Protein backbone atom coordinates (compact mmCIF):
# COMPACT_ATOMS: atom_id res chain seq x y z
CA MET A 1 -24.67 9.33 -20.37
CA HIS A 2 -27.88 7.24 -21.35
CA ASP A 3 -30.34 5.24 -20.03
CA ILE A 4 -31.18 4.55 -16.62
CA ARG A 5 -29.17 1.58 -15.93
CA GLN A 6 -30.79 -1.60 -14.49
CA PRO A 7 -30.27 -1.57 -10.90
CA ALA A 8 -26.69 -1.65 -11.13
CA HIS A 9 -24.85 -4.60 -9.73
CA HIS A 10 -23.00 -3.85 -6.28
CA ARG A 11 -19.29 -3.76 -7.01
CA SER A 12 -17.22 -5.69 -4.48
CA ARG A 13 -13.77 -4.89 -3.53
CA GLY A 14 -12.50 -8.34 -5.21
CA PRO A 15 -10.54 -8.72 -8.26
CA GLY A 16 -10.80 -6.19 -11.09
CA ARG A 17 -12.43 -6.91 -14.53
CA LEU A 18 -9.06 -7.86 -16.09
CA THR A 19 -8.28 -10.22 -13.29
CA CYS A 20 -11.78 -11.98 -13.94
CA LEU A 21 -11.00 -12.34 -17.70
CA LEU A 22 -7.80 -13.98 -17.03
CA LEU A 23 -9.29 -16.37 -14.53
CA VAL A 24 -12.06 -17.60 -17.25
CA LEU A 25 -9.35 -17.97 -19.83
CA ALA A 26 -7.38 -20.24 -17.34
CA VAL A 27 -10.40 -22.47 -16.78
CA MET A 28 -11.01 -22.53 -20.33
CA LEU A 29 -7.42 -23.72 -21.26
CA GLY A 30 -7.55 -26.16 -18.66
CA LEU A 31 -4.47 -24.50 -16.82
CA ALA A 32 -3.57 -24.82 -13.44
CA GLY A 33 -3.99 -21.14 -12.75
CA GLY A 34 -4.87 -21.05 -9.11
CA THR A 35 -1.39 -19.72 -8.18
CA SER A 36 -1.33 -16.94 -10.73
CA THR A 37 -5.03 -15.72 -10.44
CA ALA A 38 -4.59 -15.86 -6.66
CA ALA A 39 -1.55 -13.59 -6.94
CA ALA A 40 -3.49 -11.35 -9.14
CA ASP A 41 -6.46 -11.01 -6.77
CA ASP A 42 -4.05 -10.67 -3.77
CA GLU A 43 -2.18 -7.83 -5.59
CA VAL A 44 -5.87 -6.01 -6.10
CA GLU A 45 -6.71 -6.61 -2.66
CA GLN A 46 -3.68 -5.45 -1.25
CA ALA A 47 -3.73 -2.26 -3.39
CA ARG A 48 -7.10 -1.36 -2.26
CA SER A 49 -6.70 -2.52 1.31
CA ALA A 50 -3.55 -0.65 1.75
CA ILE A 51 -5.39 2.57 1.90
CA ARG A 52 -7.16 3.21 5.34
CA VAL A 53 -9.29 6.36 4.88
CA PRO A 54 -9.04 8.45 7.86
CA THR A 55 -12.41 9.00 9.71
CA ARG A 56 -11.57 12.93 9.70
CA ALA A 57 -12.25 14.47 6.28
CA MET A 58 -9.36 16.79 6.86
CA ASP A 59 -6.95 13.96 7.31
CA ALA A 60 -8.55 12.04 4.33
CA VAL A 61 -8.08 15.04 1.90
CA ALA A 62 -4.62 15.63 3.28
CA ALA A 63 -3.91 11.94 2.40
CA MET A 64 -4.78 12.53 -1.27
CA GLN A 65 -1.95 15.04 -1.93
CA PRO A 66 -0.68 15.28 -4.38
CA SER A 67 -3.49 14.73 -7.21
CA TRP A 68 -3.63 14.56 -10.79
CA ASN A 69 -6.34 14.92 -13.41
CA LEU A 70 -7.20 12.61 -16.23
CA GLY A 71 -8.30 15.63 -18.29
CA ASN A 72 -9.67 15.61 -21.83
CA THR A 73 -10.49 12.04 -21.73
CA LEU A 74 -13.68 10.82 -20.29
CA ASP A 75 -14.67 14.26 -20.28
CA ALA A 76 -13.97 14.96 -23.82
CA ILE A 77 -16.73 15.55 -26.36
CA PRO A 78 -18.41 13.49 -27.65
CA ASP A 79 -16.01 10.31 -26.86
CA GLU A 80 -13.00 9.36 -25.11
CA THR A 81 -10.50 9.96 -27.87
CA ASN A 82 -12.07 12.91 -29.65
CA TRP A 83 -9.81 15.45 -27.80
CA GLY A 84 -6.26 13.94 -28.99
CA ASN A 85 -5.78 11.30 -26.22
CA PRO A 86 -5.60 7.70 -26.72
CA LYS A 87 -7.95 5.20 -24.58
CA VAL A 88 -7.02 4.81 -21.07
CA THR A 89 -5.25 1.89 -19.81
CA ARG A 90 -4.52 0.68 -16.33
CA ASP A 91 -0.62 1.14 -17.04
CA LEU A 92 -1.66 5.00 -16.92
CA PHE A 93 -2.64 4.76 -13.19
CA THR A 94 0.56 2.53 -12.43
CA THR A 95 2.63 5.37 -13.96
CA ILE A 96 0.78 8.04 -11.94
CA ARG A 97 1.16 6.13 -8.82
CA ARG A 98 4.77 5.52 -9.13
CA GLU A 99 5.28 9.21 -9.95
CA GLY A 100 4.12 10.15 -6.50
CA PHE A 101 0.69 10.88 -6.85
CA ARG A 102 -1.87 9.66 -4.19
CA SER A 103 -5.11 10.53 -6.00
CA VAL A 104 -6.62 11.19 -9.34
CA ARG A 105 -9.56 13.26 -10.56
CA ILE A 106 -11.57 11.48 -13.31
CA PRO A 107 -13.60 14.22 -14.93
CA VAL A 108 -16.58 12.74 -16.91
CA THR A 109 -18.98 14.50 -19.38
CA TRP A 110 -22.23 12.42 -19.50
CA THR A 111 -24.04 14.54 -22.26
CA ASP A 112 -23.45 12.68 -25.25
CA HIS A 113 -23.80 9.16 -23.42
CA GLN A 114 -27.36 9.97 -21.78
CA SER A 115 -30.87 10.46 -23.09
CA ALA A 116 -31.65 14.26 -23.42
CA THR A 117 -35.26 13.70 -22.12
CA ALA A 118 -36.67 11.98 -19.19
CA PRO A 119 -35.52 9.53 -17.55
CA TYR A 120 -32.04 10.89 -18.75
CA THR A 121 -30.75 7.15 -19.07
CA VAL A 122 -27.07 6.99 -19.30
CA ASP A 123 -25.84 4.45 -21.86
CA ALA A 124 -24.94 1.24 -20.15
CA ALA A 125 -21.77 0.63 -22.18
CA PHE A 126 -20.59 4.40 -21.29
CA MET A 127 -21.23 3.66 -17.63
CA SER A 128 -19.45 0.36 -17.71
CA ARG A 129 -16.40 2.10 -19.16
CA VAL A 130 -16.43 4.59 -16.55
CA GLU A 131 -16.49 1.95 -14.10
CA GLU A 132 -13.69 0.19 -15.45
CA VAL A 133 -11.63 3.15 -15.56
CA VAL A 134 -12.32 4.04 -11.99
CA ASP A 135 -11.82 0.59 -10.70
CA TRP A 136 -8.24 0.62 -12.55
CA ALA A 137 -7.55 3.60 -10.57
CA LEU A 138 -8.88 2.22 -7.24
CA ASP A 139 -6.95 -0.97 -7.85
CA GLU A 140 -3.87 0.86 -7.94
CA GLY A 141 -4.35 2.20 -4.48
CA LEU A 142 -5.31 5.60 -5.61
CA TYR A 143 -7.94 7.82 -4.14
CA VAL A 144 -10.26 8.88 -7.00
CA VAL A 145 -12.56 11.71 -7.43
CA LEU A 146 -15.61 11.36 -10.03
CA ASN A 147 -17.82 14.07 -11.21
CA VAL A 148 -20.04 15.55 -13.58
CA HIS A 149 -17.94 17.78 -15.85
CA HIS A 150 -18.71 19.69 -19.11
CA ASP A 151 -22.47 19.14 -18.50
CA SER A 152 -22.01 22.39 -16.40
CA TRP A 153 -21.94 24.47 -19.77
CA GLN A 154 -23.66 21.97 -21.97
CA TRP A 155 -27.23 21.82 -20.20
CA ILE A 156 -26.92 22.62 -16.45
CA LYS A 157 -26.19 26.26 -17.24
CA LYS A 158 -29.81 26.51 -18.69
CA MET A 159 -31.20 25.99 -15.06
CA PRO A 160 -32.53 29.66 -14.94
CA ALA A 161 -34.80 29.23 -18.02
CA ASP A 162 -35.39 25.46 -17.22
CA HIS A 163 -35.16 24.97 -13.75
CA ASP A 164 -37.20 21.91 -13.40
CA GLY A 165 -35.77 20.04 -16.33
CA VAL A 166 -32.10 20.84 -15.40
CA LEU A 167 -32.78 19.86 -11.88
CA ALA A 168 -34.59 16.40 -12.98
CA ARG A 169 -31.65 15.68 -15.37
CA PHE A 170 -28.94 16.45 -12.72
CA ASN A 171 -30.81 14.24 -10.06
CA SER A 172 -31.47 11.39 -12.47
CA THR A 173 -27.61 11.57 -13.42
CA TRP A 174 -26.43 11.25 -9.75
CA THR A 175 -29.09 8.85 -9.02
CA GLN A 176 -27.57 6.44 -11.56
CA ILE A 177 -23.94 7.19 -10.57
CA SER A 178 -24.70 6.57 -7.09
CA GLN A 179 -26.23 3.33 -7.72
CA THR A 180 -23.46 2.12 -9.79
CA PHE A 181 -20.63 3.13 -7.36
CA ARG A 182 -22.58 2.70 -4.07
CA ASP A 183 -20.22 -0.32 -2.87
CA GLU A 184 -17.05 1.21 -4.07
CA PRO A 185 -14.70 1.72 -1.02
CA ARG A 186 -14.40 5.22 0.36
CA THR A 187 -11.27 5.99 -1.43
CA LEU A 188 -13.98 7.16 -4.38
CA ILE A 189 -15.06 10.55 -3.73
CA PHE A 190 -17.87 12.20 -5.59
CA GLU A 191 -17.86 15.73 -6.89
CA SER A 192 -21.13 17.41 -7.39
CA VAL A 193 -20.40 19.43 -10.76
CA ASN A 194 -17.34 21.05 -12.26
CA GLU A 195 -17.11 24.70 -12.72
CA PRO A 196 -20.92 25.24 -12.46
CA GLN A 197 -22.42 28.21 -14.30
CA PHE A 198 -25.91 29.69 -15.02
CA GLU A 199 -26.58 31.90 -17.90
CA ASN A 200 -28.77 35.09 -17.59
CA ALA A 201 -28.68 35.02 -13.96
CA THR A 202 -28.19 37.58 -11.17
CA ALA A 203 -25.52 36.80 -8.69
CA GLU A 204 -28.04 36.21 -6.05
CA GLN A 205 -29.86 33.73 -8.41
CA LYS A 206 -26.63 31.79 -9.26
CA ALA A 207 -26.00 31.24 -5.54
CA LYS A 208 -29.50 29.99 -4.66
CA LEU A 209 -29.35 27.58 -7.85
CA LEU A 210 -25.94 26.28 -6.98
CA HIS A 211 -27.04 25.78 -3.27
CA GLU A 212 -29.89 23.71 -4.64
CA LEU A 213 -27.77 21.57 -6.98
CA ASN A 214 -25.26 21.01 -4.11
CA THR A 215 -27.78 19.95 -1.52
CA SER A 216 -29.95 17.81 -3.98
CA PHE A 217 -26.59 16.18 -4.85
CA HIS A 218 -25.96 15.36 -1.18
CA LYS A 219 -29.50 14.02 -0.53
CA ILE A 220 -29.46 11.71 -3.36
CA VAL A 221 -25.92 10.13 -2.72
CA ARG A 222 -26.56 9.87 0.88
CA SER A 223 -30.06 8.18 0.61
CA SER A 224 -28.47 5.62 -2.05
CA GLY A 225 -27.10 3.69 0.85
CA GLY A 226 -23.97 1.14 0.65
CA GLY A 227 -20.83 3.05 0.98
CA ASN A 228 -22.51 6.25 0.05
CA THR A 229 -23.86 6.88 3.57
CA ASP A 230 -20.30 8.19 4.57
CA ARG A 231 -18.61 8.79 1.41
CA LEU A 232 -16.63 11.87 1.25
CA LEU A 233 -18.48 14.42 -1.23
CA MET A 234 -17.06 17.43 -2.79
CA LEU A 235 -19.00 20.75 -3.32
CA PRO A 236 -18.00 23.49 -5.59
CA THR A 237 -18.00 27.19 -5.47
CA ASP A 238 -19.71 28.99 -8.36
CA GLY A 239 -17.32 28.38 -11.54
CA CYS A 240 -15.04 26.79 -9.02
CA THR A 241 -13.65 30.19 -8.49
CA PRO A 242 -12.02 30.86 -5.17
CA SER A 243 -13.26 34.42 -4.63
CA GLN A 244 -14.22 35.34 -1.21
CA THR A 245 -17.92 35.87 -1.99
CA PHE A 246 -18.56 32.58 -3.80
CA MET A 247 -16.51 30.64 -0.89
CA ASP A 248 -18.70 32.36 1.70
CA ASP A 249 -21.87 31.00 -0.19
CA LEU A 250 -20.29 27.54 -0.11
CA TYR A 251 -19.47 27.69 3.45
CA ALA A 252 -23.08 28.47 4.13
CA THR A 253 -24.24 25.44 2.20
CA ILE A 254 -21.82 23.13 3.85
CA LYS A 255 -22.81 24.42 7.32
CA SER A 256 -26.29 24.05 6.64
CA LEU A 257 -25.65 20.14 5.69
CA ASN A 258 -24.42 19.50 9.08
CA ASP A 259 -22.34 16.57 7.55
CA ARG A 260 -18.51 15.98 8.55
CA HIS A 261 -17.81 14.23 5.20
CA LEU A 262 -17.86 17.24 2.93
CA ILE A 263 -15.03 18.79 0.95
CA ALA A 264 -14.91 22.33 -0.39
CA THR A 265 -13.43 22.41 -4.01
CA VAL A 266 -12.17 25.30 -6.14
CA HIS A 267 -9.72 25.70 -8.95
CA TYR A 268 -6.70 28.28 -9.72
CA TYR A 269 -4.80 29.02 -12.82
CA SER A 270 -3.04 32.16 -11.69
CA TRP A 271 -3.55 35.52 -12.22
CA TYR A 272 -5.46 35.81 -15.78
CA PRO A 273 -3.06 38.03 -17.80
CA PHE A 274 -0.06 35.89 -16.48
CA SER A 275 -1.84 32.61 -17.18
CA ILE A 276 -2.30 33.23 -20.93
CA ASN A 277 0.05 36.20 -21.61
CA ILE A 278 -2.38 39.21 -22.23
CA ALA A 279 -2.52 42.79 -21.01
CA GLY A 280 1.26 42.73 -20.61
CA GLY A 281 1.34 39.78 -18.26
CA THR A 282 4.62 38.49 -19.67
CA HIS A 283 6.21 38.16 -16.13
CA TYR A 284 5.29 36.46 -12.94
CA ASP A 285 5.38 39.59 -11.12
CA GLU A 286 4.30 40.98 -7.64
CA VAL A 287 0.78 41.48 -8.78
CA ALA A 288 0.57 37.68 -9.98
CA GLN A 289 2.34 36.44 -6.78
CA ASN A 290 0.04 38.51 -4.62
CA ASP A 291 -3.08 37.02 -6.64
CA LEU A 292 -1.84 33.53 -5.72
CA ASN A 293 -1.06 34.33 -1.88
CA ASP A 294 -4.37 36.14 -1.48
CA ALA A 295 -6.40 33.05 -3.00
CA PHE A 296 -4.59 30.47 -0.80
CA ALA A 297 -5.21 32.86 2.23
CA ARG A 298 -9.05 32.89 1.34
CA MET A 299 -9.10 29.20 1.40
CA ARG A 300 -7.48 28.77 4.58
CA ASP A 301 -9.53 31.18 6.38
CA THR A 302 -12.75 30.37 4.88
CA PHE A 303 -12.44 26.61 5.17
CA VAL A 304 -9.41 24.94 6.42
CA ALA A 305 -9.33 27.08 9.57
CA ARG A 306 -12.83 25.86 10.24
CA ASN A 307 -12.07 22.11 9.61
CA ILE A 308 -13.51 21.94 6.30
CA PRO A 309 -10.95 20.41 3.99
CA VAL A 310 -10.20 22.13 0.46
CA TYR A 311 -9.38 20.00 -2.65
CA LEU A 312 -8.12 22.47 -5.45
CA GLY A 313 -9.34 20.43 -8.14
CA GLU A 314 -7.28 21.83 -10.99
CA TYR A 315 -4.32 24.16 -11.23
CA GLY A 316 -1.98 25.07 -13.85
CA LEU A 317 -1.57 28.01 -16.57
CA LEU A 318 -4.19 28.24 -18.97
CA GLY A 319 -1.80 29.03 -21.84
CA TRP A 320 1.08 26.79 -20.82
CA PRO A 321 2.54 24.10 -21.43
CA ASP A 322 1.45 23.62 -25.09
CA HIS A 323 3.84 21.82 -26.98
CA ASN A 324 1.78 22.15 -30.14
CA HIS A 325 2.06 25.97 -30.42
CA PRO A 326 4.53 28.79 -29.63
CA SER A 327 5.34 28.86 -25.94
CA ARG A 328 2.95 31.99 -24.84
CA VAL A 329 4.61 31.93 -21.12
CA GLU A 330 8.12 32.35 -20.62
CA ARG A 331 9.61 29.15 -19.22
CA GLY A 332 11.33 30.45 -16.20
CA GLU A 333 8.40 32.72 -15.31
CA ALA A 334 6.35 29.67 -15.37
CA LEU A 335 8.56 27.78 -13.16
CA LYS A 336 8.21 30.28 -10.55
CA TYR A 337 4.74 30.04 -10.71
CA TYR A 338 4.77 26.52 -9.87
CA GLU A 339 7.33 26.84 -7.26
CA GLN A 340 5.13 29.37 -5.36
CA PHE A 341 2.13 27.49 -5.90
CA GLY A 342 3.24 24.17 -4.17
CA HIS A 343 4.61 26.36 -1.11
CA ALA A 344 1.45 28.16 -0.77
CA ALA A 345 -0.72 25.26 -1.05
CA ARG A 346 1.34 23.59 1.84
CA LEU A 347 0.90 26.72 4.04
CA ALA A 348 -2.71 26.75 3.61
CA GLY A 349 -3.32 22.91 4.17
CA VAL A 350 -4.67 22.65 0.66
CA THR A 351 -4.62 19.39 -1.55
CA THR A 352 -4.12 20.06 -5.23
CA ALA A 353 -4.78 18.44 -8.50
CA LEU A 354 -2.66 19.13 -11.55
CA TRP A 355 -4.87 19.60 -14.54
CA ASP A 356 -3.27 17.51 -17.31
CA PRO A 357 -5.05 17.75 -20.60
CA GLY A 358 -2.72 15.17 -22.19
CA THR A 359 0.00 14.52 -24.54
CA TRP A 360 0.73 18.03 -25.65
CA ALA A 361 1.08 19.33 -22.15
CA TYR A 362 2.41 17.14 -19.21
CA LEU A 363 2.17 13.29 -19.68
CA ASN A 364 2.42 11.82 -22.92
CA ARG A 365 -0.57 9.30 -22.99
CA GLU A 366 1.12 7.29 -25.49
CA THR A 367 4.58 6.64 -24.12
CA LEU A 368 3.61 7.15 -20.40
CA LYS A 369 6.63 9.56 -20.10
CA TRP A 370 6.64 13.37 -19.12
CA THR A 371 6.64 15.70 -22.06
CA ASP A 372 8.86 18.01 -20.07
CA PRO A 373 10.62 15.99 -17.24
CA ALA A 374 12.31 19.10 -15.83
CA LEU A 375 9.02 20.76 -15.35
CA ILE A 376 7.54 17.89 -13.33
CA ALA A 377 10.78 17.92 -11.27
CA TRP A 378 9.75 21.50 -10.46
CA ILE A 379 6.46 20.69 -9.60
CA LYS A 380 7.22 17.59 -7.60
CA SER A 381 9.90 19.50 -5.54
CA SER A 382 7.19 22.09 -4.61
CA TRP A 383 5.27 19.41 -2.84
CA THR A 384 7.94 19.19 -0.21
CA ALA A 385 10.55 22.00 -0.48
CA ARG A 386 11.20 25.62 -1.51
CA SER A 387 13.60 26.27 -4.45
CA GLY A 388 15.75 29.48 -5.22
CA THR A 389 14.80 31.33 -8.47
CA ALA A 390 16.02 34.68 -9.73
CA SER A 391 14.43 37.76 -11.59
CA PHE A 392 14.96 35.96 -14.94
CA ASP A 393 16.41 32.96 -16.43
CA LYS A 394 18.15 34.52 -19.22
CA VAL A 395 21.20 36.98 -19.39
CA PHE A 396 21.11 38.87 -22.82
CA VAL A 397 24.54 39.97 -24.14
CA PRO A 398 24.61 42.31 -27.26
CA LYS A 399 26.77 41.14 -30.09
CA SER A 400 27.06 44.47 -31.48
CA GLU A 401 28.34 46.06 -28.44
CA PRO A 402 31.33 45.47 -26.17
CA ILE A 403 30.79 42.84 -23.53
CA THR A 404 29.90 44.15 -20.18
CA ALA A 405 28.91 42.71 -16.86
CA LYS A 406 25.38 41.51 -16.30
CA GLY A 407 23.53 41.03 -13.39
CA LEU A 408 20.35 39.12 -11.89
CA THR A 409 18.48 39.34 -8.56
CA LEU A 410 18.28 35.95 -6.76
CA HIS A 411 15.03 35.07 -5.03
CA LEU A 412 16.29 32.82 -2.24
CA ASN A 413 13.02 31.74 -0.98
CA GLY A 414 14.31 30.88 2.41
CA THR A 415 17.55 28.99 1.05
CA LYS A 416 21.18 29.97 0.86
CA PHE A 417 23.00 30.40 -2.42
CA ARG A 418 25.78 27.86 -2.88
CA GLY A 419 27.47 28.86 -6.08
CA LEU A 420 27.36 28.82 -9.98
CA TRP A 421 28.29 26.13 -12.08
CA HIS A 422 28.64 25.85 -15.98
CA GLY A 423 28.30 22.01 -16.57
CA ARG A 424 30.56 20.37 -14.12
CA THR A 425 32.80 23.52 -13.61
CA LYS A 426 31.98 25.59 -10.61
CA LEU A 427 32.62 29.40 -11.41
CA VAL A 428 34.70 31.40 -9.12
CA GLU A 429 33.32 34.23 -6.99
CA GLY A 430 35.09 37.38 -7.47
CA ARG A 431 36.60 36.22 -10.85
CA ASP A 432 33.63 34.95 -12.79
CA TYR A 433 30.85 36.62 -10.79
CA THR A 434 30.17 38.74 -7.66
CA LEU A 435 27.41 38.50 -5.13
CA TRP A 436 26.06 41.68 -3.39
CA ASP A 437 23.91 41.56 -0.41
CA LYS A 438 23.34 37.82 -0.82
CA THR A 439 20.90 38.39 -3.74
CA ARG A 440 22.50 40.33 -6.54
CA LEU A 441 24.52 38.25 -8.78
CA VAL A 442 26.53 39.82 -11.34
CA LEU A 443 28.52 37.94 -14.04
CA THR A 444 31.65 39.53 -14.93
CA ALA A 445 32.53 40.77 -18.46
CA ASP A 446 35.44 38.31 -18.55
CA ALA A 447 32.99 35.56 -17.70
CA LEU A 448 30.46 36.38 -20.21
CA THR A 449 33.06 36.83 -22.89
CA ARG A 450 34.25 33.26 -22.19
CA LEU A 451 30.85 31.86 -21.92
CA THR A 452 29.50 33.43 -25.29
CA GLY A 453 32.38 31.86 -27.26
CA ASP A 454 32.04 32.68 -30.88
CA ARG A 455 29.13 34.70 -30.14
CA GLU A 456 26.46 32.97 -32.43
CA TYR A 457 22.84 34.42 -32.08
CA GLY A 458 21.03 32.40 -29.33
CA VAL A 459 21.89 30.52 -26.29
CA ASN A 460 25.66 30.05 -25.71
CA ALA A 461 25.72 28.60 -22.47
CA THR A 462 23.44 27.45 -19.41
CA LEU A 463 24.49 27.98 -15.79
CA GLN A 464 23.05 26.64 -12.75
CA ALA A 465 22.63 28.63 -9.54
CA ARG A 466 22.60 26.08 -6.85
CA PHE A 467 20.91 26.54 -3.49
CA SER A 468 21.13 24.74 0.08
CA ARG A 469 17.87 22.78 -0.93
CA GLY A 470 15.57 22.43 -3.70
CA LEU A 471 16.36 22.63 -7.26
CA SER A 472 18.90 24.55 -9.45
CA TRP A 473 18.01 27.67 -11.16
CA GLN A 474 19.08 27.58 -14.78
CA ILE A 475 20.39 30.68 -16.18
CA GLU A 476 20.88 30.95 -20.30
CA VAL A 477 23.67 33.25 -21.47
CA VAL A 478 22.16 34.59 -24.90
CA THR A 479 23.84 36.57 -27.40
CA TYR A 480 21.37 38.71 -29.43
CA ASP A 481 21.09 41.87 -31.36
CA GLU A 482 17.86 44.11 -31.83
CA PRO A 483 15.36 42.33 -34.02
CA VAL A 484 14.90 43.46 -37.44
CA LEU A 485 11.23 43.51 -39.08
CA SER A 486 10.73 44.34 -42.67
CA ASP A 487 8.11 45.72 -44.81
CA ALA A 488 5.50 43.33 -46.06
CA THR A 489 2.23 42.93 -48.04
CA GLY A 490 -0.60 40.42 -47.52
CA LYS A 491 -4.12 39.45 -46.95
CA THR A 492 -6.28 39.31 -43.82
CA ASP A 493 -6.28 35.64 -43.96
CA ALA A 494 -2.54 35.29 -44.33
CA PHE A 495 -0.18 38.01 -43.04
CA THR A 496 3.30 37.78 -41.81
CA LEU A 497 6.15 40.15 -40.95
CA PRO A 498 9.65 38.97 -41.99
CA THR A 499 11.60 39.01 -38.86
CA ARG A 500 15.30 38.56 -38.11
CA TYR A 501 15.02 37.53 -34.38
CA GLN A 502 18.82 37.55 -34.15
CA GLY A 503 18.62 35.61 -30.63
CA ASP A 504 15.82 37.51 -29.22
CA VAL A 505 12.63 36.24 -27.95
CA LEU A 506 9.22 37.83 -28.35
CA ALA A 507 7.21 38.65 -25.35
CA THR A 508 4.01 40.49 -26.36
CA MET A 509 2.65 43.08 -28.97
CA GLU A 510 0.89 46.36 -28.37
CA ALA A 511 -1.90 47.78 -30.89
CA ARG A 512 -3.14 51.19 -30.91
CA TYR A 513 -4.73 53.33 -33.61
CA GLY A 514 -3.51 57.00 -34.18
CA ASP A 515 -5.88 58.47 -31.53
CA GLY A 516 -4.45 56.15 -28.91
CA SER A 517 -7.37 53.73 -28.60
CA ASN A 518 -6.69 50.16 -28.57
CA ALA A 519 -6.58 48.12 -31.70
CA GLY A 520 -7.44 44.47 -32.26
CA GLN A 521 -9.99 42.11 -30.95
CA THR A 522 -9.12 42.50 -27.23
CA GLU A 523 -10.42 46.01 -26.93
CA TRP A 524 -9.77 46.39 -23.06
CA THR A 525 -6.04 46.50 -23.26
CA PRO A 526 -3.52 47.55 -25.77
CA TYR A 527 -1.50 44.31 -25.16
CA GLN A 528 -2.97 41.61 -27.37
CA GLU A 529 -3.16 37.85 -26.34
CA PHE A 530 -0.17 35.91 -27.32
CA ASN A 531 -1.03 33.12 -30.05
CA LYS A 532 -4.52 34.68 -30.53
CA ALA A 533 -3.65 38.08 -32.00
CA PHE A 534 0.13 37.52 -32.99
CA LYS A 535 2.56 34.67 -32.59
CA PRO A 536 6.24 34.17 -33.44
CA ASP A 537 7.41 31.63 -36.05
CA TYR A 538 11.00 31.28 -35.21
CA PRO A 539 12.30 28.67 -37.76
CA ASN A 540 10.53 30.79 -40.65
CA ASP A 541 11.71 34.01 -39.47
CA THR A 542 8.39 35.66 -39.27
CA ILE A 543 5.78 37.23 -36.79
CA ILE A 544 2.34 35.97 -37.73
CA LEU A 545 -0.72 38.42 -37.38
CA THR A 546 -3.71 36.19 -37.03
CA PRO A 547 -6.72 36.70 -39.19
CA GLU A 548 -8.85 37.20 -36.09
CA PHE A 549 -6.77 40.19 -35.15
CA LEU A 550 -6.56 41.72 -38.69
CA ASP A 551 -10.43 41.27 -39.15
CA ALA A 552 -10.94 43.20 -35.95
CA LEU A 553 -9.02 46.28 -37.25
CA ARG A 554 -10.86 49.33 -38.49
CA ASP A 555 -10.65 49.67 -42.27
CA GLY A 556 -8.12 52.28 -43.65
CA GLU A 557 -6.68 53.14 -40.44
CA LEU A 558 -3.30 53.11 -39.52
CA VAL A 559 -2.24 50.88 -36.63
CA THR A 560 0.78 51.18 -34.54
CA LEU A 561 2.32 47.93 -33.14
CA THR A 562 4.90 47.78 -30.46
CA PHE A 563 6.64 44.36 -30.31
CA HIS A 564 8.36 43.78 -26.79
CA PHE A 565 11.21 41.29 -26.46
CA TYR A 566 12.47 39.71 -23.42
CA SER A 567 15.94 41.44 -23.85
CA GLY A 568 13.98 44.75 -23.36
CA GLU A 569 14.11 45.69 -27.06
CA LYS A 570 10.91 47.52 -28.34
CA ILE A 571 10.31 47.51 -32.13
CA MET A 572 7.42 49.62 -33.76
CA TYR A 573 5.63 48.72 -37.02
CA HIS A 574 2.79 50.06 -38.83
CA VAL A 575 -0.04 48.10 -40.52
CA LYS A 576 -3.04 49.11 -42.41
CA LYS A 577 -6.13 47.05 -43.57
CA SER A 578 -7.84 48.09 -46.80
CA GLY A 579 -10.55 45.58 -47.61
CA ASP A 580 -8.96 42.31 -47.43
CA ALA A 581 -5.43 43.67 -48.35
CA VAL A 582 -2.65 44.46 -45.52
CA THR A 583 0.25 46.35 -45.84
CA GLY A 584 2.97 46.50 -43.18
CA THR A 585 5.85 48.90 -42.65
CA ARG A 586 8.80 49.01 -40.12
CA VAL A 587 8.82 52.20 -38.07
CA THR A 588 12.45 53.56 -38.05
CA PRO A 589 13.46 55.82 -35.05
CA ALA A 590 13.49 58.89 -37.23
CA SER A 591 10.02 58.32 -38.66
């Protein structure tokens, strides 16, 4: 984001930058490269020309489904590789296209590549790099969404206090982007600003400021000529939040512009307590499901039903997947969210873009392989069909007790149950399991005895519940006993509870003072945030209480912790902070 580029050269639909370099090399070497370079040129032309962008915005946005985000890359601060991802190559977009995605969103943060004072010139080398990446995606036959991204919270948010300065910088930024990309095909879409926010402003002021930014963006792009005269343009709600008030405000802006090439954009990361595992949001329960259904109903009724397309520019879960940290969202519960998300989006007619922050989440940017292929299979399946699920993906069998029958409730989602398999072996109904009212699946004691084998703690067997369509639902048979926590001492900067998990899995932690009030850095709920206040360390048989949690405790007061496990077990524990010293004591049932 730096200097006002000299009048940007107008990009043609001809060969990409790599092809041009190859052509020069061929001439320099005296090669008869006519055939190879012509083939390369043709390949680019065919990829771009293969897309005929529908005239109607509704049809064009529908053609962009499904979409994918090149997250934490050109939007990284300050540079492309600073947030853990390698530099983008064209092979990445080849992979994305082959994986079935039809469009990509390329977030760009311009702040550190742009002069902070007028005329707010974008650095030529950075603009050229953005062009290169956009062209690679376009040359792969993908629709591309290009935006102004983290600038929203770096300088745009200051608009209430510096209205003229922020507006001038915003206008200059989009003037430069518009000129640079004015002759790209209509498969390139511009997005005004990502998750706009305004500090120290009332709701009414925020709505007015966002309307001003969106309308200014629209005017600048349209007046820049070339392909920008009818290019599809995306306008966001406040924070990209799909609340009714914010969407009503955006609808009013879109109607006032009287432009049939506009798109509404919002984001959705599920019901917040479930998305990060806080406030007891350990399951994808009815509250979380209703939150999703209501959000899509609002998008449909506010925009889609009025012939305004919706591009849901980011979705996922805020706390999962993250392969660098303990999994804060239970896997099966997360899969149920993705399954329902795809179904709800199809019903509402909304195009959706998976937010992919990089290697530790979805696509490994080094290997160009999915980090969790089974997860991606569920996401892909949701694009076209429903899959059956169940009330949980584990059956816990206590080792210290005689084995008894255990059951789950099937969620058919419009499918029919076809049976239960263990590997290639189909289990026998009546002997291995019973099915009540088509949805209550009960594994017999005999089957569980066979499946648990020598009854080592942990997963002893994995079953597949198969349905008439969609994917199989995996059910893990787990041998466990009540976890055992031991007394401990430590410091506020390093305190761990010795924990014998005995096959169980930690779900959440409550923290309360003796008077019943909430303890910890999250004061509005006793259920603290997973990985922020506490986290399991299964390999080392401990539970870690973070320095942030311990620092937030009142000195000298006893705190009762209740650890909830997915088996249903609840273990109480006392901690007390005295200065920087911490003591921990297991609470026995008699105490």
